[in-house]
């Protein structure tokens, strides 16, 4: 069995159209702040800022 680590799964939501496009994992011990990345949004059809949302189950 794999050991329970300190990584959590998060969703990335587009700040323009509010569509959840990506699922990422982040180490909550090393990265304590919120993640904000420029990613491609298929709905907007361009690169837009994406921010992290609540933890996924």
Protein backbone atom coordinates (compact mmCIF):
# COMPACT_ATOMS: atom_id res chain seq x y z
CA UNK A 1 0.00 0.00 0.00
CA UNK A 2 1.12 3.51 -0.69
CA UNK A 3 1.68 5.69 2.31
CA UNK A 4 -0.51 8.71 2.92
CA UNK A 5 1.56 11.69 1.82
CA UNK A 6 1.27 15.42 2.15
CA UNK A 7 -0.02 15.93 -1.41
CA UNK A 8 -3.59 17.10 -1.99
CA UNK A 9 -5.62 17.34 -5.20
CA UNK A 10 -6.92 20.72 -6.31
CA UNK A 11 -8.90 22.06 -9.24
CA UNK A 12 -7.80 25.00 -11.38
CA UNK A 13 -10.63 27.33 -12.39
CA UNK A 14 -10.47 29.95 -15.15
CA UNK A 15 -10.80 33.48 -13.77
CA UNK A 16 -12.54 34.72 -16.92
CA UNK A 17 -15.31 32.15 -17.51
CA UNK A 18 -15.21 30.35 -14.09
CA UNK A 19 -14.88 26.94 -15.77
CA UNK A 20 -12.90 24.22 -13.95
CA UNK A 21 -10.43 22.92 -16.52
CA UNK A 22 -7.54 21.19 -14.75
CA UNK A 23 -6.91 18.94 -11.75
CA UNK A 24 -3.48 19.21 -10.13
CA UNK A 25 -1.80 17.94 -6.99
CA UNK A 26 0.23 20.11 -4.66
CA UNK A 27 2.41 19.47 -1.64
CA UNK A 28 0.67 21.36 1.16
CA UNK A 29 3.81 21.47 3.32
CA UNK A 30 6.20 22.99 0.74
CA UNK A 31 3.63 25.18 -1.08
CA UNK A 32 1.53 26.96 1.52
CA UNK A 33 0.23 29.79 -0.68
CA UNK A 34 -2.41 29.64 -3.38
CA UNK A 35 -1.41 28.61 -6.91
CA UNK A 36 -2.12 30.94 -9.83
CA UNK A 37 -1.01 29.83 -13.32
CA UNK A 38 -1.52 30.93 -16.91
CA UNK A 39 -3.15 27.94 -18.63
CA UNK A 40 -5.12 27.36 -21.83
CA UNK A 41 -8.89 27.51 -21.41
CA UNK A 42 -10.78 25.51 -24.07
CA UNK A 43 -13.98 27.47 -23.48
CA UNK A 44 -12.33 30.91 -23.89
CA UNK A 45 -9.97 29.52 -26.56
CA UNK A 46 -6.98 31.44 -25.19
CA UNK A 47 -4.49 31.47 -22.33
CA UNK A 48 -6.05 32.92 -19.18
CA UNK A 49 -5.09 33.05 -15.49
CA UNK A 50 -6.28 30.02 -13.50
CA UNK A 51 -6.44 29.91 -9.71
CA UNK A 52 -6.76 26.98 -7.34
CA UNK A 53 -10.10 25.96 -5.90
CA UNK A 54 -11.12 23.77 -3.00
CA UNK A 55 -9.78 20.28 -2.43
CA UNK A 56 -11.27 17.49 -4.53
CA UNK A 57 -12.28 14.15 -3.06
